[in-house]
Amino acid sequence: MKLSNEKEFKSLFDYNLGFKEALARFFEQVANNFSKVLEEFSSKTEWILDPGMFMNTKVLNSVLFYLNSNNIHKAEKLYRRYMLKYYTLERINEIEKIWTANPTLNNRINILKQVLDAHNNGMYFVSVPTILCQIEGYVYHSFNYNEHLRQRALINLIKDKNNFLIYAESIGKYCEKVIYTSFRPEQPIESKISRNAILHGFDLNYGTKEISLKLIILMNVMQYLIPLTIHEENKNVSSVEIVTEKYK
């Protein structure tokens, strides 16, 4: 009887283990598929998909419908119009409250508050270059990058799924193709948000509400994701330390 129970238990255990593995593969596939949707969205519209859009399925479904129909212009136009209308002064102030409460932004929150204040007051030539610098510093600082500062290293940090989860591919390619696009002074500027052209003083037309809002949304998505991945990383380190201490 005991042997039979052990066999039944082992069979049940193997079944549960197999189910968990299948479930893990399923959710991994879902995450990968959704990651591709986010990447396709940002590459075609040149906007990072705001997580707040998941609450407005009517607009989101319309945008995705146009994208699937390859009507990129209409998809971008609809999303752009909605975002510029949605992010009122009050909603930008709500972002300020969220950023202020985020401990990973403590050392730069005074700068970021002025970015949001500049945006609310239409001072986009001030908000854009400032937040570009803060996005870089936030990523480098959050993941303890202490080597020579290179754009390729920054992009690799962003593309790492351990750092930016399902948004890694979307944000990584967005930064690579839109923000850190190649730039030479003697050639036309390829992107409206070329970091190098803006910060080196060659782009004199970047001061728009749209560009400022795009970067605020990018920063907002990052500040949601980074505390999650840092917490998980610290938890894993703590677990290793506990096990090490136990078997000293």
C-alpha atoms as a PDB file:
ATOM      1  CA  MET A   1       0.000   0.000   0.000  1.00  0.00           C
ATOM      2  CA  LYS A   2       2.836   2.344   0.875  1.00  0.00           C
ATOM      3  CA  LEU A   3       4.631   1.592  -2.399  1.00  0.00           C
ATOM      4  CA  SER A   4       1.430   2.265  -4.327  1.00  0.00           C
ATOM      5  CA  ASN A   5       1.007   5.614  -2.570  1.00  0.00           C
ATOM      6  CA  GLU A   6       4.576   6.559  -3.393  1.00  0.00           C
ATOM      7  CA  LYS A   7       4.007   5.735  -7.069  1.00  0.00           C
ATOM      8  CA  GLU A   8       0.788   7.723  -7.105  1.00  0.00           C
ATOM      9  CA  PHE A   9       2.506  10.642  -5.400  1.00  0.00           C
ATOM     10  CA  LYS A  10       5.403  10.531  -7.885  1.00  0.00           C
ATOM     11  CA  SER A  11       2.959  10.333 -10.796  1.00  0.00           C
ATOM     12  CA  LEU A  12       1.005  13.299  -9.423  1.00  0.00           C
ATOM     13  CA  PHE A  13       4.229  15.227  -8.817  1.00  0.00           C
ATOM     14  CA  ASP A  14       5.459  14.553 -12.364  1.00  0.00           C
ATOM     15  CA  TYR A  15       2.085  15.676 -13.732  1.00  0.00           C
ATOM     16  CA  ASN A  16       2.126  18.905 -11.715  1.00  0.00           C
ATOM     17  CA  LEU A  17       5.718  19.571 -12.714  1.00  0.00           C
ATOM     18  CA  GLY A  18       4.876  19.013 -16.364  1.00  0.00           C
ATOM     19  CA  PHE A  19       1.835  21.264 -16.069  1.00  0.00           C
ATOM     20  CA  LYS A  20       3.887  24.040 -14.467  1.00  0.00           C
ATOM     21  CA  GLU A  21       6.517  23.779 -17.190  1.00  0.00           C
ATOM     22  CA  ALA A  22       3.833  23.881 -19.903  1.00  0.00           C
ATOM     23  CA  LEU A  23       2.206  26.863 -18.201  1.00  0.00           C
ATOM     24  CA  ALA A  24       5.569  28.624 -17.959  1.00  0.00           C
ATOM     25  CA  ARG A  25       6.195  28.024 -21.672  1.00  0.00           C
ATOM     26  CA  PHE A  26       2.711  29.334 -22.483  1.00  0.00           C
ATOM     27  CA  PHE A  27       3.194  32.574 -20.564  1.00  0.00           C
ATOM     28  CA  GLU A  28       6.670  32.960 -22.016  1.00  0.00           C
ATOM     29  CA  GLN A  29       5.152  32.647 -25.500  1.00  0.00           C
ATOM     30  CA  VAL A  30       2.457  35.189 -24.603  1.00  0.00           C
ATOM     31  CA  ALA A  31       5.122  37.570 -23.297  1.00  0.00           C
ATOM     32  CA  ASN A  32       7.220  37.113 -26.438  1.00  0.00           C
ATOM     33  CA  ASN A  33       4.222  37.753 -28.686  1.00  0.00           C
ATOM     34  CA  PHE A  34       3.228  40.843 -26.726  1.00  0.00           C
ATOM     35  CA  SER A  35       6.828  42.027 -26.790  1.00  0.00           C
ATOM     36  CA  LYS A  36       6.700  41.850 -30.595  1.00  0.00           C
ATOM     37  CA  VAL A  37       3.441  43.833 -30.626  1.00  0.00           C
ATOM     38  CA  LEU A  38       5.047  46.567 -28.510  1.00  0.00           C
ATOM     39  CA  GLU A  39       8.112  46.647 -30.773  1.00  0.00           C
ATOM     40  CA  GLU A  40       6.024  46.796 -33.946  1.00  0.00           C
ATOM     41  CA  PHE A  41       3.902  49.562 -32.451  1.00  0.00           C
ATOM     42  CA  SER A  42       6.879  51.756 -31.551  1.00  0.00           C
ATOM     43  CA  SER A  43       8.742  51.130 -34.809  1.00  0.00           C
ATOM     44  CA  LYS A  44       5.729  52.091 -36.945  1.00  0.00           C
ATOM     45  CA  THR A  45       4.310  54.990 -34.920  1.00  0.00           C
ATOM     46  CA  GLU A  46       7.572  56.300 -33.367  1.00  0.00           C
ATOM     47  CA  TRP A  47       5.816  56.366 -29.985  1.00  0.00           C
ATOM     48  CA  ILE A  48       6.393  54.064 -27.024  1.00  0.00           C
ATOM     49  CA  LEU A  49       3.061  52.474 -26.121  1.00  0.00           C
ATOM     50  CA  ASP A  50       1.881  54.165 -22.951  1.00  0.00           C
ATOM     51  CA  PRO A  51       0.740  51.532 -20.376  1.00  0.00           C
ATOM     52  CA  GLY A  52      -2.225  53.778 -19.640  1.00  0.00           C
ATOM     53  CA  MET A  53      -3.562  52.845 -23.080  1.00  0.00           C
ATOM     54  CA  PHE A  54      -4.411  49.368 -21.796  1.00  0.00           C
ATOM     55  CA  MET A  55      -7.275  51.046 -19.936  1.00  0.00           C
ATOM     56  CA  ASN A  56      -8.598  52.634 -23.132  1.00  0.00           C
ATOM     57  CA  THR A  57      -9.117  49.574 -25.296  1.00  0.00           C
ATOM     58  CA  LYS A  58     -11.327  51.441 -27.777  1.00  0.00           C
ATOM     59  CA  VAL A  59      -8.536  53.752 -28.946  1.00  0.00           C
ATOM     60  CA  LEU A  60      -5.881  51.053 -28.651  1.00  0.00           C
ATOM     61  CA  ASN A  61      -7.892  48.572 -30.726  1.00  0.00           C
ATOM     62  CA  SER A  62      -8.466  51.229 -33.384  1.00  0.00           C
ATOM     63  CA  VAL A  63      -4.746  52.003 -33.561  1.00  0.00           C
ATOM     64  CA  LEU A  64      -3.841  48.305 -33.753  1.00  0.00           C
ATOM     65  CA  PHE A  65      -6.490  47.781 -36.444  1.00  0.00           C
ATOM     66  CA  TYR A  66      -4.905  50.457 -38.635  1.00  0.00           C
ATOM     67  CA  LEU A  67      -1.444  49.033 -38.001  1.00  0.00           C
ATOM     68  CA  ASN A  68      -2.591  45.532 -38.973  1.00  0.00           C
ATOM     69  CA  SER A  69      -4.166  47.038 -42.088  1.00  0.00           C
ATOM     70  CA  ASN A  70      -0.784  48.649 -42.835  1.00  0.00           C
ATOM     71  CA  ASN A  71      -2.381  52.081 -42.597  1.00  0.00           C
ATOM     72  CA  ILE A  72       0.520  53.415 -40.550  1.00  0.00           C
ATOM     73  CA  HIS A  73      -0.195  57.081 -41.190  1.00  0.00           C
ATOM     74  CA  LYS A  74      -3.733  56.826 -39.819  1.00  0.00           C
ATOM     75  CA  ALA A  75      -2.584  54.747 -36.829  1.00  0.00           C
ATOM     76  CA  GLU A  76       0.114  57.271 -35.923  1.00  0.00           C
ATOM     77  CA  LYS A  77      -2.222  60.220 -36.464  1.00  0.00           C
ATOM     78  CA  LEU A  78      -4.926  58.713 -34.236  1.00  0.00           C
ATOM     79  CA  TYR A  79      -2.506  57.821 -31.449  1.00  0.00           C
ATOM     80  CA  ARG A  80      -0.713  61.161 -31.630  1.00  0.00           C
ATOM     81  CA  ARG A  81      -3.988  63.107 -31.465  1.00  0.00           C
ATOM     82  CA  TYR A  82      -5.170  61.059 -28.487  1.00  0.00           C
ATOM     83  CA  MET A  83      -1.913  61.396 -26.529  1.00  0.00           C
ATOM     84  CA  LEU A  84      -1.616  65.162 -27.037  1.00  0.00           C
ATOM     85  CA  LYS A  85      -5.226  65.572 -25.912  1.00  0.00           C
ATOM     86  CA  TYR A  86      -4.962  63.098 -23.010  1.00  0.00           C
ATOM     87  CA  TYR A  87      -1.843  64.521 -21.370  1.00  0.00           C
ATOM     88  CA  THR A  88      -3.267  67.693 -19.950  1.00  0.00           C
ATOM     89  CA  LEU A  89      -1.510  69.838 -17.347  1.00  0.00           C
ATOM     90  CA  GLU A  90      -3.332  67.886 -14.627  1.00  0.00           C
ATOM     91  CA  ARG A  91      -2.131  64.529 -15.929  1.00  0.00           C
ATOM     92  CA  ILE A  92       1.463  65.745 -16.205  1.00  0.00           C
ATOM     93  CA  ASN A  93       1.138  66.831 -12.570  1.00  0.00           C
ATOM     94  CA  GLU A  94      -0.044  63.312 -11.730  1.00  0.00           C
ATOM     95  CA  ILE A  95       3.131  61.950 -13.338  1.00  0.00           C
ATOM     96  CA  GLU A  96       5.142  64.294 -11.124  1.00  0.00           C
ATOM     97  CA  LYS A  97       3.498  62.776  -8.031  1.00  0.00           C
ATOM     98  CA  ILE A  98       4.282  59.263  -9.249  1.00  0.00           C
ATOM     99  CA  TRP A  99       7.909  60.121 -10.000  1.00  0.00           C
ATOM    100  CA  THR A 100       8.300  61.863  -6.637  1.00  0.00           C
ATOM    101  CA  ALA A 101       7.119  58.707  -4.864  1.00  0.00           C
ATOM    102  CA  ASN A 102       9.559  56.488  -6.784  1.00  0.00           C
ATOM    103  CA  PRO A 103      12.718  55.941  -4.652  1.00  0.00           C
ATOM    104  CA  THR A 104      14.822  55.104  -7.735  1.00  0.00           C
ATOM    105  CA  LEU A 105      14.335  58.711  -8.886  1.00  0.00           C
ATOM    106  CA  ASN A 106      15.199  60.382  -5.575  1.00  0.00           C
ATOM    107  CA  ASN A 107      18.586  61.675  -6.697  1.00  0.00           C
ATOM    108  CA  ARG A 108      17.240  63.315  -9.870  1.00  0.00           C
ATOM    109  CA  ILE A 109      13.666  64.213  -8.981  1.00  0.00           C
ATOM    110  CA  ASN A 110      14.404  67.963  -8.684  1.00  0.00           C
ATOM    111  CA  ILE A 111      15.632  67.967 -12.278  1.00  0.00           C
ATOM    112  CA  LEU A 112      12.684  65.909 -13.490  1.00  0.00           C
ATOM    113  CA  LYS A 113      10.198  68.210 -11.774  1.00  0.00           C
ATOM    114  CA  GLN A 114      11.640  71.108 -13.742  1.00  0.00           C
ATOM    115  CA  VAL A 115      11.366  69.042 -16.932  1.00  0.00           C
ATOM    116  CA  LEU A 116       7.646  68.529 -16.309  1.00  0.00           C
ATOM    117  CA  ASP A 117       7.196  72.158 -15.316  1.00  0.00           C
ATOM    118  CA  ALA A 118       8.927  73.286 -18.517  1.00  0.00           C
ATOM    119  CA  HIS A 119       6.684  70.964 -20.547  1.00  0.00           C
ATOM    120  CA  ASN A 120       3.532  72.329 -18.898  1.00  0.00           C
ATOM    121  CA  ASN A 121       4.679  75.859 -19.693  1.00  0.00           C
ATOM    122  CA  GLY A 122       5.452  75.130 -23.330  1.00  0.00           C
ATOM    123  CA  MET A 123       9.236  75.405 -22.821  1.00  0.00           C
ATOM    124  CA  TYR A 124      10.040  72.354 -24.933  1.00  0.00           C
ATOM    125  CA  PHE A 125      13.524  73.542 -25.894  1.00  0.00           C
ATOM    126  CA  VAL A 126      14.270  73.199 -22.169  1.00  0.00           C
ATOM    127  CA  SER A 127      12.408  69.958 -21.394  1.00  0.00           C
ATOM    128  CA  VAL A 128      13.696  67.883 -24.341  1.00  0.00           C
ATOM    129  CA  PRO A 129      17.498  68.044 -23.911  1.00  0.00           C
ATOM    130  CA  THR A 130      17.212  67.826 -20.123  1.00  0.00           C
ATOM    131  CA  ILE A 131      15.123  64.674 -20.093  1.00  0.00           C
ATOM    132  CA  LEU A 132      17.312  63.086 -22.770  1.00  0.00           C
ATOM    133  CA  CYS A 133      20.257  63.366 -20.377  1.00  0.00           C
ATOM    134  CA  GLN A 134      18.224  62.134 -17.414  1.00  0.00           C
ATOM    135  CA  ILE A 135      17.021  59.038 -19.267  1.00  0.00           C
ATOM    136  CA  GLU A 136      20.627  58.056 -19.930  1.00  0.00           C
ATOM    137  CA  GLY A 137      21.748  58.769 -16.382  1.00  0.00           C
ATOM    138  CA  TYR A 138      18.786  56.876 -14.928  1.00  0.00           C
ATOM    139  CA  VAL A 139      19.590  53.715 -16.881  1.00  0.00           C
ATOM    140  CA  TYR A 140      23.336  53.841 -16.197  1.00  0.00           C
ATOM    141  CA  HIS A 141      22.839  54.544 -12.497  1.00  0.00           C
ATOM    142  CA  SER A 142      20.061  51.985 -11.968  1.00  0.00           C
ATOM    143  CA  PHE A 143      22.102  49.087 -13.311  1.00  0.00           C
ATOM    144  CA  ASN A 144      25.408  50.188 -11.740  1.00  0.00           C
ATOM    145  CA  TYR A 145      27.197  50.737 -15.036  1.00  0.00           C
ATOM    146  CA  ASN A 146      30.650  52.086 -14.143  1.00  0.00           C
ATOM    147  CA  GLU A 147      32.595  51.592 -17.374  1.00  0.00           C
ATOM    148  CA  HIS A 148      33.262  54.020 -20.228  1.00  0.00           C
ATOM    149  CA  LEU A 149      29.941  55.611 -21.245  1.00  0.00           C
ATOM    150  CA  ARG A 150      29.054  54.406 -24.722  1.00  0.00           C
ATOM    151  CA  GLN A 151      25.732  54.525 -26.538  1.00  0.00           C
ATOM    152  CA  ARG A 152      26.067  50.882 -27.574  1.00  0.00           C
ATOM    153  CA  ALA A 153      26.450  49.878 -23.926  1.00  0.00           C
ATOM    154  CA  LEU A 154      23.363  51.923 -23.051  1.00  0.00           C
ATOM    155  CA  ILE A 155      21.300  50.294 -25.790  1.00  0.00           C
ATOM    156  CA  ASN A 156      22.454  46.840 -24.664  1.00  0.00           C
ATOM    157  CA  LEU A 157      21.335  47.610 -21.106  1.00  0.00           C
ATOM    158  CA  ILE A 158      17.917  48.648 -22.417  1.00  0.00           C
ATOM    159  CA  LYS A 159      17.554  45.625 -24.709  1.00  0.00           C
ATOM    160  CA  ASP A 160      18.217  43.250 -21.818  1.00  0.00           C
ATOM    161  CA  LYS A 161      14.909  41.559 -20.913  1.00  0.00           C
ATOM    162  CA  ASN A 162      16.109  41.202 -17.333  1.00  0.00           C
ATOM    163  CA  ASN A 163      16.131  45.006 -17.125  1.00  0.00           C
ATOM    164  CA  PHE A 164      13.086  46.048 -19.146  1.00  0.00           C
ATOM    165  CA  LEU A 165      10.967  42.889 -19.359  1.00  0.00           C
ATOM    166  CA  ILE A 166       8.434  42.826 -22.226  1.00  0.00           C
ATOM    167  CA  TYR A 167       9.319  46.420 -23.161  1.00  0.00           C
ATOM    168  CA  ALA A 168      13.015  45.599 -23.729  1.00  0.00           C
ATOM    169  CA  GLU A 169      12.753  45.034 -27.472  1.00  0.00           C
ATOM    170  CA  SER A 170      10.396  47.959 -28.015  1.00  0.00           C
ATOM    171  CA  ILE A 171      12.373  50.525 -26.020  1.00  0.00           C
ATOM    172  CA  GLY A 172      15.715  49.129 -27.172  1.00  0.00           C
ATOM    173  CA  LYS A 173      14.936  49.443 -30.869  1.00  0.00           C
ATOM    174  CA  TYR A 174      13.195  52.783 -30.330  1.00  0.00           C
ATOM    175  CA  CYS A 175      16.308  54.203 -28.707  1.00  0.00           C
ATOM    176  CA  GLU A 176      18.531  52.667 -31.366  1.00  0.00           C
ATOM    177  CA  LYS A 177      16.520  53.779 -34.409  1.00  0.00           C
ATOM    178  CA  VAL A 178      14.982  57.050 -33.208  1.00  0.00           C
ATOM    179  CA  ILE A 179      17.079  58.571 -30.410  1.00  0.00           C
ATOM    180  CA  TYR A 180      20.594  57.241 -31.030  1.00  0.00           C
ATOM    181  CA  THR A 181      20.398  57.225 -34.800  1.00  0.00           C
ATOM    182  CA  SER A 182      23.648  57.979 -36.627  1.00  0.00           C
ATOM    183  CA  PHE A 183      24.391  61.656 -37.146  1.00  0.00           C
ATOM    184  CA  ARG A 184      27.022  63.588 -39.095  1.00  0.00           C
ATOM    185  CA  PRO A 185      27.064  67.395 -39.178  1.00  0.00           C
ATOM    186  CA  GLU A 186      27.381  67.536 -42.971  1.00  0.00           C
ATOM    187  CA  GLN A 187      24.363  65.252 -43.530  1.00  0.00           C
ATOM    188  CA  PRO A 188      20.600  65.752 -43.072  1.00  0.00           C
ATOM    189  CA  ILE A 189      19.306  64.842 -39.609  1.00  0.00           C
ATOM    190  CA  GLU A 190      17.618  61.433 -39.888  1.00  0.00           C
ATOM    191  CA  SER A 191      15.399  61.597 -36.789  1.00  0.00           C
ATOM    192  CA  LYS A 192      13.288  64.278 -35.112  1.00  0.00           C
ATOM    193  CA  ILE A 193      14.643  63.085 -31.748  1.00  0.00           C
ATOM    194  CA  SER A 194      18.304  62.589 -32.639  1.00  0.00           C
ATOM    195  CA  ARG A 195      20.065  62.773 -29.297  1.00  0.00           C
ATOM    196  CA  ASN A 196      23.426  63.666 -30.837  1.00  0.00           C
ATOM    197  CA  ALA A 197      22.022  66.333 -33.153  1.00  0.00           C
ATOM    198  CA  ILE A 198      20.073  67.922 -30.281  1.00  0.00           C
ATOM    199  CA  LEU A 199      22.741  67.848 -27.564  1.00  0.00           C
ATOM    200  CA  HIS A 200      25.538  68.932 -29.917  1.00  0.00           C
ATOM    201  CA  GLY A 201      23.513  71.918 -31.055  1.00  0.00           C
ATOM    202  CA  PHE A 202      22.834  71.005 -34.694  1.00  0.00           C
ATOM    203  CA  ASP A 203      19.091  70.355 -34.460  1.00  0.00           C
ATOM    204  CA  LEU A 204      17.316  73.678 -33.896  1.00  0.00           C
ATOM    205  CA  ASN A 205      13.756  72.411 -34.428  1.00  0.00           C
ATOM    206  CA  TYR A 206      13.307  69.847 -31.653  1.00  0.00           C
ATOM    207  CA  GLY A 207      11.296  72.069 -29.301  1.00  0.00           C
ATOM    208  CA  THR A 208       7.806  70.659 -29.839  1.00  0.00           C
ATOM    209  CA  LYS A 209       5.133  69.393 -27.477  1.00  0.00           C
ATOM    210  CA  GLU A 210       5.064  66.057 -29.297  1.00  0.00           C
ATOM    211  CA  ILE A 211       8.792  65.342 -28.891  1.00  0.00           C
ATOM    212  CA  SER A 212       8.751  66.461 -25.268  1.00  0.00           C
ATOM    213  CA  LEU A 213       5.756  64.209 -24.522  1.00  0.00           C
ATOM    214  CA  LYS A 214       7.309  61.224 -26.290  1.00  0.00           C
ATOM    215  CA  LEU A 215      10.354  61.438 -24.023  1.00  0.00           C
ATOM    216  CA  ILE A 216       8.241  61.945 -20.890  1.00  0.00           C
ATOM    217  CA  ILE A 217       6.294  58.787 -21.759  1.00  0.00           C
ATOM    218  CA  LEU A 218       9.557  56.906 -22.350  1.00  0.00           C
ATOM    219  CA  MET A 219      10.841  57.998 -18.948  1.00  0.00           C
ATOM    220  CA  ASN A 220       7.514  57.125 -17.361  1.00  0.00           C
ATOM    221  CA  VAL A 221       7.583  53.565 -18.720  1.00  0.00           C
ATOM    222  CA  MET A 222      11.193  53.161 -17.556  1.00  0.00           C
ATOM    223  CA  GLN A 223      10.410  54.345 -14.036  1.00  0.00           C
ATOM    224  CA  TYR A 224       7.664  51.704 -13.777  1.00  0.00           C
ATOM    225  CA  LEU A 225       9.918  48.875 -14.992  1.00  0.00           C
ATOM    226  CA  ILE A 226      13.265  49.621 -13.345  1.00  0.00           C
ATOM    227  CA  PRO A 227      12.076  49.299  -9.711  1.00  0.00           C
ATOM    228  CA  LEU A 228      10.556  45.896 -10.589  1.00  0.00           C
ATOM    229  CA  THR A 229      13.751  44.507 -12.095  1.00  0.00           C
ATOM    230  CA  ILE A 230      16.013  46.020  -9.442  1.00  0.00           C
ATOM    231  CA  HIS A 231      13.811  44.532  -6.706  1.00  0.00           C
ATOM    232  CA  GLU A 232      13.958  41.104  -8.346  1.00  0.00           C
ATOM    233  CA  GLU A 233      17.723  41.361  -8.762  1.00  0.00           C
ATOM    234  CA  ASN A 234      18.205  42.356  -5.113  1.00  0.00           C
ATOM    235  CA  LYS A 235      15.918  39.527  -4.018  1.00  0.00           C
ATOM    236  CA  ASN A 236      18.008  37.013  -5.967  1.00  0.00           C
ATOM    237  CA  VAL A 237      21.222  38.392  -4.465  1.00  0.00           C
ATOM    238  CA  SER A 238      19.720  38.137  -0.974  1.00  0.00           C
ATOM    239  CA  SER A 239      18.725  34.507  -1.623  1.00  0.00           C
ATOM    240  CA  VAL A 240      22.253  33.638  -2.688  1.00  0.00           C
ATOM    241  CA  GLU A 241      23.660  35.325   0.426  1.00  0.00           C
ATOM    242  CA  ILE A 242      21.252  33.365   2.677  1.00  0.00           C
ATOM    243  CA  VAL A 243      22.182  30.035   1.083  1.00  0.00           C
ATOM    244  CA  THR A 244      25.894  30.868   1.260  1.00  0.00           C
ATOM    245  CA  GLU A 245      25.617  31.795   4.914  1.00  0.00           C
ATOM    246  CA  LYS A 246      23.703  28.575   5.668  1.00  0.00           C
ATOM    247  CA  TYR A 247      26.402  26.307   4.258  1.00  0.00           C
ATOM    248  CA  LYS A 248      29.478  28.126   5.594  1.00  0.00           C
END
